[in-house]
Amino acid sequence: MDHDVTVFKSYPFKKGQKIRIEGSGRSGDWEVADLSNSKVTLRCPISKKEYKWARFCYYTEEKKMEWPGD
């Protein structure tokens, strides 16, 4: 029997990539500063502070937009 299944895939970050996270406690504009197999280091483009987190993002869409945003 077939079922409706939602499939999530880990996002393949690239060093230097500019990203925007929406809908979480990490919401905002970030630059990918460094990567490992299990961690991603993100840099705030305003304060330049860096945070290392377990990989957590999943792909939704790409679009042209101002970055960093308001």
N, C-alpha and C. Protein backbone atom coordinates (compact mmCIF):
# COMPACT_ATOMS: atom_id res chain seq x y z
N MET A 1 0.85 -1.18 0.00
CA MET A 1 0.00 0.00 0.00
C MET A 1 0.89 1.24 0.00
N ASP A 2 0.63 2.18 -0.88
CA ASP A 2 1.39 3.42 -0.94
C ASP A 2 0.93 4.39 0.13
N HIS A 3 1.88 5.19 0.63
CA HIS A 3 1.60 6.20 1.64
C HIS A 3 2.21 7.52 1.21
N ASP A 4 1.66 8.60 1.71
CA ASP A 4 2.28 9.90 1.52
C ASP A 4 3.46 9.99 2.48
N VAL A 5 4.66 10.19 1.95
CA VAL A 5 5.88 10.21 2.74
C VAL A 5 6.63 11.50 2.45
N THR A 6 7.03 12.20 3.49
CA THR A 6 7.85 13.39 3.35
C THR A 6 9.30 12.99 3.54
N VAL A 7 10.15 13.30 2.55
CA VAL A 7 11.56 12.92 2.58
C VAL A 7 12.40 14.18 2.77
N PHE A 8 13.30 14.17 3.75
CA PHE A 8 14.20 15.28 4.02
C PHE A 8 15.62 14.86 3.66
N LYS A 9 16.37 15.77 3.06
CA LYS A 9 17.77 15.52 2.76
C LYS A 9 18.59 16.66 3.34
N SER A 10 19.70 16.33 3.94
CA SER A 10 20.60 17.33 4.51
C SER A 10 21.09 18.24 3.40
N TYR A 11 21.17 19.52 3.68
CA TYR A 11 21.58 20.49 2.67
C TYR A 11 23.10 20.42 2.44
N PRO A 12 23.55 20.37 1.18
CA PRO A 12 24.99 20.31 0.89
C PRO A 12 25.63 21.69 0.91
N PHE A 13 25.91 22.21 2.10
CA PHE A 13 26.53 23.52 2.24
C PHE A 13 27.83 23.63 1.45
N LYS A 14 28.17 24.86 1.06
CA LYS A 14 29.46 25.15 0.44
C LYS A 14 30.10 26.30 1.21
N LYS A 15 31.39 26.19 1.49
CA LYS A 15 32.11 27.24 2.20
C LYS A 15 32.00 28.55 1.43
N GLY A 16 31.70 29.64 2.15
CA GLY A 16 31.53 30.95 1.55
C GLY A 16 30.11 31.25 1.10
N GLN A 17 29.23 30.26 1.17
CA GLN A 17 27.85 30.41 0.74
C GLN A 17 27.10 31.38 1.65
N LYS A 18 26.28 32.22 1.06
CA LYS A 18 25.43 33.15 1.81
C LYS A 18 24.04 32.54 1.90
N ILE A 19 23.53 32.44 3.12
CA ILE A 19 22.25 31.77 3.33
C ILE A 19 21.34 32.62 4.21
N ARG A 20 20.06 32.35 4.14
CA ARG A 20 19.07 32.94 5.04
C ARG A 20 18.28 31.79 5.65
N ILE A 21 18.21 31.77 6.99
CA ILE A 21 17.44 30.76 7.72
C ILE A 21 16.16 31.42 8.20
N GLU A 22 15.04 30.77 7.95
CA GLU A 22 13.75 31.30 8.36
C GLU A 22 13.03 30.29 9.23
N GLY A 23 12.28 30.78 10.19
CA GLY A 23 11.40 29.93 10.99
C GLY A 23 12.07 29.11 12.07
N SER A 24 13.20 29.59 12.61
CA SER A 24 13.83 28.88 13.72
C SER A 24 14.55 29.87 14.63
N GLY A 25 15.09 29.37 15.73
CA GLY A 25 15.85 30.22 16.65
C GLY A 25 17.13 30.74 16.02
N ARG A 26 17.55 30.15 14.91
CA ARG A 26 18.76 30.59 14.21
C ARG A 26 18.42 31.46 13.01
N SER A 27 17.20 31.98 12.96
CA SER A 27 16.75 32.78 11.83
C SER A 27 17.67 33.96 11.58
N GLY A 28 17.88 34.26 10.31
CA GLY A 28 18.68 35.42 9.93
C GLY A 28 19.61 35.09 8.78
N ASP A 29 20.45 36.05 8.45
CA ASP A 29 21.41 35.90 7.37
C ASP A 29 22.74 35.42 7.92
N TRP A 30 23.36 34.48 7.21
CA TRP A 30 24.60 33.85 7.63
C TRP A 30 25.49 33.59 6.43
N GLU A 31 26.79 33.46 6.70
CA GLU A 31 27.74 32.99 5.71
C GLU A 31 28.35 31.69 6.23
N VAL A 32 28.48 30.70 5.36
CA VAL A 32 29.08 29.44 5.76
C VAL A 32 30.59 29.65 5.86
N ALA A 33 31.11 29.59 7.09
CA ALA A 33 32.53 29.87 7.34
C ALA A 33 33.39 28.62 7.26
N ASP A 34 32.84 27.47 7.68
CA ASP A 34 33.62 26.23 7.68
C ASP A 34 32.66 25.05 7.74
N LEU A 35 33.17 23.88 7.36
CA LEU A 35 32.36 22.66 7.32
C LEU A 35 33.16 21.46 7.79
N SER A 36 32.47 20.51 8.39
CA SER A 36 33.02 19.18 8.63
C SER A 36 31.91 18.20 8.26
N ASN A 37 32.15 16.92 8.43
CA ASN A 37 31.11 15.94 8.10
C ASN A 37 29.86 16.09 8.97
N SER A 38 30.04 16.56 10.20
CA SER A 38 28.91 16.63 11.12
C SER A 38 28.56 18.04 11.59
N LYS A 39 29.44 19.02 11.35
CA LYS A 39 29.22 20.38 11.85
C LYS A 39 29.29 21.40 10.72
N VAL A 40 28.60 22.53 10.94
CA VAL A 40 28.69 23.68 10.05
C VAL A 40 28.98 24.91 10.92
N THR A 41 29.92 25.72 10.50
CA THR A 41 30.23 26.96 11.21
C THR A 41 29.66 28.11 10.40
N LEU A 42 28.76 28.87 11.04
CA LEU A 42 28.12 30.00 10.38
C LEU A 42 28.62 31.31 10.98
N ARG A 43 28.80 32.31 10.11
CA ARG A 43 29.28 33.64 10.53
C ARG A 43 28.18 34.66 10.26
N CYS A 44 27.92 35.50 11.26
CA CYS A 44 26.98 36.60 11.10
C CYS A 44 27.66 37.68 10.24
N PRO A 45 27.01 38.14 9.15
CA PRO A 45 27.65 39.13 8.28
C PRO A 45 27.75 40.51 8.92
N ILE A 46 27.03 40.77 9.99
CA ILE A 46 27.06 42.08 10.66
C ILE A 46 28.11 42.08 11.78
N SER A 47 27.96 41.17 12.75
CA SER A 47 28.85 41.15 13.92
C SER A 47 30.13 40.37 13.66
N LYS A 48 30.14 39.52 12.64
CA LYS A 48 31.26 38.62 12.30
C LYS A 48 31.45 37.50 13.33
N LYS A 49 30.53 37.36 14.29
CA LYS A 49 30.62 36.26 15.25
C LYS A 49 30.34 34.95 14.53
N GLU A 50 31.02 33.88 14.96
CA GLU A 50 30.87 32.56 14.36
C GLU A 50 30.29 31.58 15.37
N TYR A 51 29.45 30.69 14.86
CA TYR A 51 28.81 29.67 15.69
C TYR A 51 28.93 28.33 14.98
N LYS A 52 29.33 27.30 15.72
CA LYS A 52 29.47 25.95 15.16
C LYS A 52 28.30 25.12 15.68
N TRP A 53 27.56 24.54 14.75
CA TRP A 53 26.40 23.75 15.10
C TRP A 53 26.43 22.43 14.35
N ALA A 54 25.75 21.43 14.90
CA ALA A 54 25.52 20.20 14.14
C ALA A 54 24.72 20.58 12.90
N ARG A 55 24.98 19.91 11.79
CA ARG A 55 24.23 20.22 10.56
C ARG A 55 22.75 20.06 10.83
N PHE A 56 21.97 21.05 10.42
CA PHE A 56 20.56 21.08 10.78
C PHE A 56 19.65 21.57 9.67
N CYS A 57 20.18 22.13 8.59
CA CYS A 57 19.36 22.75 7.55
C CYS A 57 18.95 21.74 6.48
N TYR A 58 17.80 22.00 5.93
CA TYR A 58 17.28 21.19 4.84
C TYR A 58 16.85 22.12 3.71
N TYR A 59 17.06 21.70 2.49
CA TYR A 59 16.80 22.53 1.32
C TYR A 59 15.31 22.81 1.15
N THR A 60 14.97 24.07 0.87
CA THR A 60 13.60 24.41 0.52
C THR A 60 13.53 25.14 -0.81
N GLU A 61 14.30 26.22 -0.99
CA GLU A 61 14.27 26.96 -2.24
C GLU A 61 15.47 27.88 -2.35
N GLU A 62 15.74 28.34 -3.56
CA GLU A 62 16.75 29.37 -3.81
C GLU A 62 16.07 30.50 -4.53
N LYS A 63 16.41 31.76 -4.16
CA LYS A 63 15.84 32.89 -4.86
C LYS A 63 16.77 34.07 -4.78
N LYS A 64 16.63 35.00 -5.72
CA LYS A 64 17.43 36.24 -5.74
C LYS A 64 16.82 37.16 -4.68
N MET A 65 17.68 37.69 -3.79
CA MET A 65 17.20 38.62 -2.77
C MET A 65 18.37 39.41 -2.21
N GLU A 66 18.07 40.52 -1.58
CA GLU A 66 19.10 41.32 -0.94
C GLU A 66 19.65 40.56 0.25
N TRP A 67 20.98 40.64 0.44
CA TRP A 67 21.60 39.92 1.56
C TRP A 67 22.76 40.74 2.07
N PRO A 68 22.96 41.01 3.35
CA PRO A 68 22.00 40.68 4.39
C PRO A 68 20.74 41.52 4.26
N GLY A 69 19.65 40.97 4.74
CA GLY A 69 18.35 41.64 4.61
C GLY A 69 18.02 42.52 5.80
N ASP A 70 16.86 43.12 5.73
CA ASP A 70 16.40 44.01 6.82
C ASP A 70 15.84 43.22 7.97
